[in-house]
Protein backbone atom coordinates (compact mmCIF):
# COMPACT_ATOMS: atom_id res chain seq x y z
CA MET A 1 222.86 -10.13 -77.52
CA ASP A 2 225.52 -8.77 -75.13
CA ILE A 3 224.65 -7.72 -71.60
CA ASP A 4 224.85 -3.98 -72.29
CA ARG A 5 222.34 -4.22 -75.10
CA PHE A 6 220.17 -6.52 -72.99
CA LEU A 7 220.11 -3.92 -70.20
CA ALA A 8 219.47 -1.00 -72.52
CA THR A 9 216.69 -2.78 -74.37
CA ASN A 10 214.80 -4.06 -71.35
CA GLN A 11 215.41 -1.44 -68.67
CA PRO A 12 212.21 0.50 -69.50
CA VAL A 13 210.17 -2.70 -69.10
CA TRP A 14 211.71 -3.42 -65.70
CA ASP A 15 211.17 0.14 -64.52
CA ARG A 16 207.54 0.08 -65.60
CA LEU A 17 206.91 -3.26 -63.84
CA ALA A 18 208.62 -1.99 -60.69
CA GLY A 19 206.43 1.11 -60.77
CA LEU A 20 203.25 -0.91 -61.15
CA CYS A 21 204.33 -3.22 -58.33
CA SER A 22 205.01 -0.28 -56.00
CA TYR A 23 201.59 1.15 -56.77
CA ALA A 24 199.83 -2.22 -56.34
CA GLU A 25 201.60 -2.96 -53.06
CA ARG A 26 199.79 0.04 -51.56
CA GLY A 27 196.51 -1.57 -52.58
CA VAL A 28 195.68 -3.60 -55.66
CA GLY A 29 192.39 -1.77 -55.95
CA ARG A 30 194.34 1.34 -56.89
CA LEU A 31 195.18 -0.28 -60.25
CA SER A 32 192.78 0.05 -63.16
CA ALA A 33 191.85 -3.04 -65.15
CA GLU A 34 194.22 -1.92 -67.90
CA ASP A 35 197.08 -1.45 -65.45
CA LEU A 36 196.45 -4.88 -63.91
CA ASP A 37 196.49 -6.50 -67.37
CA GLU A 38 199.74 -4.68 -68.14
CA LEU A 39 201.25 -5.86 -64.87
CA VAL A 40 200.44 -9.48 -65.73
CA ARG A 41 201.94 -9.13 -69.22
CA LEU A 42 205.09 -7.48 -67.92
CA TYR A 43 205.44 -10.10 -65.17
CA GLN A 44 205.44 -12.87 -67.79
CA ARG A 45 207.86 -10.93 -69.98
CA VAL A 46 210.32 -10.20 -67.15
CA SER A 47 210.14 -13.85 -66.07
CA ALA A 48 211.44 -14.73 -69.53
CA HIS A 49 214.16 -12.07 -69.15
CA LEU A 50 215.21 -13.69 -65.87
CA SER A 51 215.45 -17.11 -67.51
CA TYR A 52 217.49 -15.62 -70.37
CA ALA A 53 219.83 -13.78 -67.97
CA ARG A 54 220.46 -16.93 -65.95
CA THR A 55 221.27 -18.86 -69.12
CA TYR A 56 223.49 -16.40 -70.97
CA PHE A 57 224.94 -13.93 -68.45
CA ALA A 58 227.10 -14.74 -65.43
CA ASP A 59 225.98 -11.61 -63.59
CA PRO A 60 224.78 -12.34 -60.02
CA ALA A 61 223.67 -8.75 -59.48
CA LEU A 62 221.43 -8.76 -62.55
CA THR A 63 220.01 -12.16 -61.67
CA ALA A 64 219.28 -11.08 -58.10
CA ARG A 65 217.61 -7.88 -59.28
CA LEU A 66 215.34 -9.64 -61.76
CA THR A 67 214.55 -12.40 -59.26
CA ALA A 68 213.41 -9.82 -56.72
CA LEU A 69 211.29 -8.00 -59.31
CA VAL A 70 209.67 -11.21 -60.55
CA GLY A 71 208.99 -12.23 -56.94
CA ARG A 72 207.22 -8.94 -56.21
CA ALA A 73 205.08 -9.25 -59.32
CA ASN A 74 204.34 -12.91 -58.61
CA ALA A 75 203.02 -12.07 -55.15
CA ILE A 76 200.67 -9.50 -56.64
CA VAL A 77 199.51 -11.56 -59.61
CA TYR A 78 198.89 -14.82 -57.80
CA GLY A 79 197.78 -13.17 -54.61
CA THR A 80 194.98 -11.29 -56.33
CA ARG A 81 193.86 -13.32 -59.35
CA PRO A 82 191.22 -15.88 -58.34
CA ARG A 83 192.09 -19.45 -59.29
CA THR A 84 188.54 -20.41 -60.12
CA LEU A 85 187.11 -23.38 -61.92
CA ARG A 86 186.25 -20.98 -64.70
CA THR A 87 189.93 -20.13 -65.17
CA VAL A 88 190.84 -23.82 -65.33
CA GLY A 89 187.96 -24.43 -67.71
CA GLN A 90 189.11 -21.65 -70.03
CA PHE A 91 192.59 -23.11 -70.06
CA PHE A 92 191.41 -26.52 -71.26
CA THR A 93 188.60 -25.35 -73.54
CA ALA A 94 190.41 -22.44 -75.18
CA THR A 95 194.01 -21.68 -74.26
CA PHE A 96 195.57 -25.16 -74.47
CA PRO A 97 193.88 -26.34 -77.70
CA SER A 98 194.62 -22.95 -79.30
CA ALA A 99 198.31 -23.31 -78.41
CA VAL A 100 198.47 -26.83 -79.84
CA TRP A 101 196.60 -25.85 -83.00
CA GLY A 102 198.85 -22.82 -83.44
CA ALA A 103 201.92 -25.09 -83.28
CA ARG A 104 200.66 -27.47 -85.97
CA ARG A 105 203.55 -26.78 -88.37
CA PHE A 106 206.06 -27.52 -85.63
CA ILE A 107 204.05 -30.65 -84.76
CA ALA A 108 204.47 -31.81 -88.35
CA VAL A 109 208.25 -31.35 -88.12
CA SER A 110 208.36 -33.05 -84.72
CA ALA A 111 206.33 -35.99 -86.05
CA ALA A 112 208.74 -36.35 -88.99
CA LEU A 113 211.75 -36.38 -86.65
CA PHE A 114 210.11 -39.11 -84.57
CA PHE A 115 208.36 -41.35 -87.08
CA ILE A 116 210.77 -41.29 -90.05
CA PRO A 117 213.57 -42.99 -88.02
CA ALA A 118 210.98 -45.36 -86.53
CA ILE A 119 209.70 -46.41 -89.94
CA VAL A 120 213.13 -46.64 -91.60
CA ILE A 121 214.65 -48.74 -88.81
CA GLY A 122 211.53 -50.89 -88.43
CA VAL A 123 211.38 -51.71 -92.15
CA TRP A 124 215.14 -52.30 -92.31
CA LEU A 125 215.15 -54.77 -89.41
CA ALA A 126 212.05 -56.53 -90.67
CA HIS A 127 213.73 -57.30 -94.00
CA SER A 128 217.43 -57.62 -93.16
CA PRO A 129 218.69 -60.86 -91.57
CA ARG A 130 222.15 -59.32 -91.21
CA ALA A 131 220.75 -56.34 -89.30
CA ILE A 132 218.73 -58.68 -87.08
CA ASP A 133 221.81 -60.79 -86.33
CA ALA A 134 223.67 -57.64 -85.30
CA MET A 135 221.00 -56.96 -82.66
CA GLY A 136 222.06 -59.99 -80.59
CA SER A 137 221.79 -63.75 -80.42
CA ALA A 138 218.68 -65.52 -81.62
CA ALA A 139 217.95 -66.71 -78.08
CA LEU A 140 218.03 -63.19 -76.66
CA ARG A 141 215.82 -61.86 -79.44
CA GLN A 142 213.35 -64.69 -78.94
CA THR A 143 213.18 -64.02 -75.19
CA TYR A 144 212.53 -60.35 -75.82
CA VAL A 145 209.79 -60.96 -78.39
CA ASP A 146 208.08 -63.89 -76.66
CA HIS A 147 208.40 -62.83 -73.03
CA ASP A 148 210.19 -59.67 -71.96
CA PHE A 149 208.23 -57.13 -73.99
CA ALA A 150 204.84 -58.30 -72.74
CA ALA A 151 206.14 -58.94 -69.22
CA TYR A 152 207.11 -55.28 -68.94
CA TYR A 153 203.41 -54.37 -68.95
CA ARG A 154 202.21 -57.21 -66.71
CA ASN A 155 204.76 -57.91 -63.99
CA GLN A 156 203.98 -54.97 -61.69
CA HIS A 157 200.93 -53.90 -59.74
CA SER A 158 198.78 -51.73 -62.03
CA ALA A 159 198.71 -48.62 -59.82
CA GLN A 160 202.45 -48.73 -59.14
CA PHE A 161 203.24 -49.30 -62.81
CA ALA A 162 200.90 -46.50 -63.92
CA ALA A 163 202.56 -44.02 -61.55
CA GLN A 164 206.01 -45.06 -62.74
CA VAL A 165 205.04 -44.70 -66.40
CA GLN A 166 203.33 -41.34 -65.84
CA THR A 167 206.45 -39.96 -64.17
CA ASN A 168 208.70 -41.23 -66.95
CA ASN A 169 206.43 -39.90 -69.71
CA ILE A 170 206.27 -36.44 -68.14
CA ARG A 171 210.06 -36.46 -67.79
CA VAL A 172 210.56 -37.36 -71.47
CA GLY A 173 208.05 -34.74 -72.54
CA PHE A 174 209.73 -32.06 -70.43
CA ILE A 175 213.17 -32.95 -71.81
CA ALA A 176 211.80 -32.75 -75.36
CA PHE A 177 210.41 -29.29 -74.57
CA ALA A 178 213.31 -27.87 -72.54
CA GLY A 179 215.88 -29.02 -75.08
CA GLY A 180 214.50 -26.52 -77.56
CA ILE A 181 216.26 -23.66 -75.79
CA ALA A 182 219.58 -25.03 -77.13
CA PHE A 183 218.67 -24.18 -80.74
CA CYS A 184 216.40 -27.25 -81.11
CA ILE A 185 219.28 -29.75 -81.12
CA PRO A 186 218.51 -31.69 -77.88
CA THR A 187 214.82 -31.77 -78.78
CA ALA A 188 215.57 -33.23 -82.21
CA TRP A 189 217.89 -35.79 -80.60
CA VAL A 190 215.20 -36.91 -78.12
CA LEU A 191 212.65 -37.31 -80.91
CA VAL A 192 214.98 -39.19 -83.25
CA THR A 193 216.35 -41.56 -80.59
CA ASN A 194 212.92 -42.36 -79.15
CA GLY A 195 211.62 -42.95 -82.67
CA ALA A 196 214.57 -45.23 -83.39
CA SER A 197 213.83 -47.24 -80.22
CA LEU A 198 210.22 -47.70 -81.27
CA GLY A 199 211.31 -48.76 -84.75
CA THR A 200 213.79 -51.27 -83.33
CA ALA A 201 211.11 -52.99 -81.26
CA ALA A 202 208.66 -52.98 -84.17
CA GLY A 203 211.31 -54.41 -86.51
CA LEU A 204 212.17 -57.27 -84.16
CA PHE A 205 208.54 -58.33 -83.93
CA ALA A 206 207.96 -57.88 -87.66
CA TYR A 207 210.95 -60.07 -88.52
CA ASP A 208 209.32 -62.92 -86.57
CA GLY A 209 205.91 -62.22 -88.12
CA LYS A 210 204.43 -61.10 -84.79
CA GLN A 211 203.38 -57.57 -85.68
CA ALA A 212 199.88 -58.11 -84.29
CA GLN A 213 201.31 -58.98 -80.89
CA PHE A 214 203.46 -55.84 -80.87
CA TYR A 215 200.75 -53.42 -81.97
CA GLY A 216 198.24 -55.07 -79.67
CA LEU A 217 200.44 -54.07 -76.74
CA ILE A 218 201.71 -50.69 -77.90
CA THR A 219 198.52 -49.22 -79.40
CA PRO A 220 196.25 -48.89 -76.31
CA HIS A 221 198.48 -46.36 -74.56
CA GLY A 222 200.94 -45.58 -77.36
CA LEU A 223 198.62 -43.52 -79.56
CA LEU A 224 198.06 -40.83 -76.93
CA GLU A 225 201.52 -41.19 -75.40
CA LEU A 226 203.39 -40.77 -78.69
CA SER A 227 201.09 -37.93 -79.73
CA SER A 228 201.96 -36.18 -76.47
CA VAL A 229 205.70 -36.71 -76.97
CA VAL A 230 205.48 -35.32 -80.50
CA ILE A 231 203.51 -32.27 -79.32
CA ALA A 232 205.99 -31.68 -76.46
CA GLY A 233 208.78 -31.86 -79.04
CA ALA A 234 206.92 -29.31 -81.16
CA ALA A 235 206.79 -26.94 -78.18
CA GLY A 236 210.56 -27.30 -77.82
CA LEU A 237 211.14 -26.75 -81.53
CA ARG A 238 208.96 -23.65 -81.45
CA LEU A 239 210.94 -22.25 -78.55
CA GLY A 240 214.26 -23.05 -80.24
CA TRP A 241 213.16 -21.55 -83.54
CA ALA A 242 212.50 -18.26 -81.74
CA LEU A 243 216.23 -18.20 -81.01
CA ILE A 244 217.23 -19.17 -84.53
CA ALA A 245 214.83 -16.88 -86.40
CA PRO A 246 213.38 -14.21 -84.06
CA GLY A 247 212.18 -12.09 -86.97
CA ASP A 248 211.87 -8.39 -86.19
CA ARG A 249 211.95 -9.07 -82.44
CA SER A 250 214.97 -9.30 -80.22
CA ARG A 251 215.79 -12.86 -79.22
CA ALA A 252 214.71 -12.12 -75.66
CA GLU A 253 211.35 -10.85 -76.87
CA ALA A 254 210.93 -13.81 -79.23
CA ILE A 255 211.67 -16.28 -76.44
CA ALA A 256 209.23 -14.50 -74.15
CA ASP A 257 206.47 -14.55 -76.77
CA GLU A 258 206.93 -18.14 -77.90
CA GLY A 259 207.73 -19.34 -74.40
CA ARG A 260 204.28 -18.31 -73.18
CA ARG A 261 202.71 -20.52 -75.84
CA SER A 262 205.10 -23.41 -75.38
CA VAL A 263 204.62 -23.44 -71.61
CA THR A 264 200.85 -23.64 -72.17
CA ILE A 265 201.35 -26.76 -74.30
CA VAL A 266 203.59 -28.45 -71.74
CA ALA A 267 201.20 -27.67 -68.88
CA GLY A 268 198.26 -29.17 -70.77
CA LEU A 269 200.25 -32.24 -71.79
CA ILE A 270 200.72 -33.21 -68.16
CA LEU A 271 197.08 -34.36 -68.23
CA THR A 272 197.48 -36.35 -71.45
CA PHE A 273 200.60 -38.06 -70.09
CA LEU A 274 198.66 -38.97 -66.94
CA VAL A 275 195.85 -40.44 -69.04
CA ALA A 276 198.29 -42.38 -71.25
CA GLY A 277 200.10 -43.71 -68.17
CA THR A 278 196.81 -44.78 -66.62
CA ILE A 279 195.88 -46.70 -69.77
CA GLU A 280 199.32 -48.31 -69.86
CA GLY A 281 199.06 -49.36 -66.24
CA PHE A 282 195.47 -50.59 -66.17
CA VAL A 283 194.57 -51.50 -69.77
CA THR A 284 197.64 -52.49 -71.81
CA GLY A 285 198.68 -55.38 -69.57
CA SER A 286 195.17 -56.34 -68.49
CA GLY A 287 193.25 -59.48 -69.33
CA LEU A 288 190.96 -57.65 -71.74
CA SER A 289 190.89 -58.89 -75.31
CA THR A 290 193.25 -57.26 -77.79
CA ALA A 291 190.31 -55.75 -79.68
CA VAL A 292 188.96 -54.08 -76.55
CA ARG A 293 192.37 -52.78 -75.45
CA VAL A 294 193.15 -51.38 -78.89
CA GLY A 295 189.64 -49.96 -79.14
CA ILE A 296 190.11 -48.02 -75.91
CA GLY A 297 193.35 -46.53 -77.21
CA VAL A 298 191.78 -45.55 -80.55
CA VAL A 299 188.75 -43.94 -78.91
CA VAL A 300 190.93 -41.90 -76.53
CA GLU A 301 193.22 -40.78 -79.37
CA VAL A 302 190.36 -39.80 -81.69
CA THR A 303 188.72 -37.90 -78.83
CA PHE A 304 191.94 -35.99 -78.12
CA LEU A 305 192.58 -35.12 -81.78
CA THR A 306 188.97 -33.99 -82.25
CA TYR A 307 189.20 -31.86 -79.11
CA VAL A 308 192.40 -30.14 -80.26
CA ILE A 309 191.25 -29.56 -83.84
CA VAL A 310 187.73 -28.35 -83.10
CA LEU A 311 188.49 -26.16 -80.08
CA GLY A 312 191.89 -25.09 -81.44
CA ARG A 313 190.40 -23.81 -84.69
CA ALA A 314 187.60 -22.11 -82.77
CA GLY A 315 190.16 -20.41 -80.53
CA GLU A 316 192.13 -19.22 -83.54
CA ARG A 317 188.97 -17.71 -85.04
CA ALA A 318 188.38 -15.94 -81.70
CA GLY A 319 191.87 -14.41 -81.93
CA LEU A 320 193.55 -16.63 -79.34
CA THR A 321 197.20 -17.59 -79.76
CA GLY A 322 197.44 -19.96 -76.79
CA ALA A 323 199.81 -17.73 -74.82
CA PHE A 324 199.91 -18.50 -71.10
CA GLY A 325 197.81 -15.95 -69.20
CA GLU A 326 195.97 -14.83 -72.34
CA ARG A 327 192.53 -13.47 -71.62
CA VAL A 328 189.56 -15.09 -73.34
CA THR A 329 187.66 -12.05 -74.62
CA ALA A 330 185.39 -13.80 -77.11
CA ASP A 331 183.44 -17.02 -77.12
CA PRO A 332 185.85 -19.60 -78.58
CA SER A 333 183.25 -22.33 -78.94
CA PRO A 334 182.97 -23.77 -82.46
């Protein structure tokens, strides 16, 4: 879309939001409930327009104008909407699981991009002496399998290591999501390369017949961590697909619509990455038996999947799409 069409298409939206802001700035109580809901929707939509303008148009005047308008609306929205425990509760019991459940087809694609390279490379290395030899000398491989891999989880103080891992996981998840805006290509690359890295490690252990040692270390935190990476990748793919196939919407409208759902997913995944990092820091490298460590990881993963499936399906039945800022108007409980 060129800038002239962008302006012509979206000018009425900007004018309407500016009008609502001017009215609200004289007293929010002057707005009806319907007007306030419209203001919130237009604020989210114009925020997406601002992001699009910054990405595709080198027009400082347009960027400054939209920034000012978004700032006015932001002050009204977040200065008047109470951030209550109920709002947070609705996010985690309805909005977030609905967004994840609604992205299940993209999650399937994301999982394929991650796990197919992991499985192919893992099986190849496990059964190919020539491929194993190409990975490095026997001494280096032995050091990695017998010492370095396990030492990574055990050589640092648990709290420090957990914080480091949490930060890294959130960074990877955000990159997987944000890369979707470039027509899905960076997101796909992040998923494939991270899957290949996992497959390489698994293949090295399998070649030496030490699969149990590998999975005993990777499973406690890896189930939830890898699930979160795959879901973050799905959010990026969903955003990128809105650019590739916007349907009967303009690309700006498609990005705005899908962006509200994708942002919900990423916001909720921050908590799952924190949980996975905590398990990695305090459980994976601990002195607990392998059965207990793996059991903790399995219980956490099953709990998360049950939560997403049960509450996500209930939210879908209640008409929720998982869009950020979506009002819960019906009881989404199963």
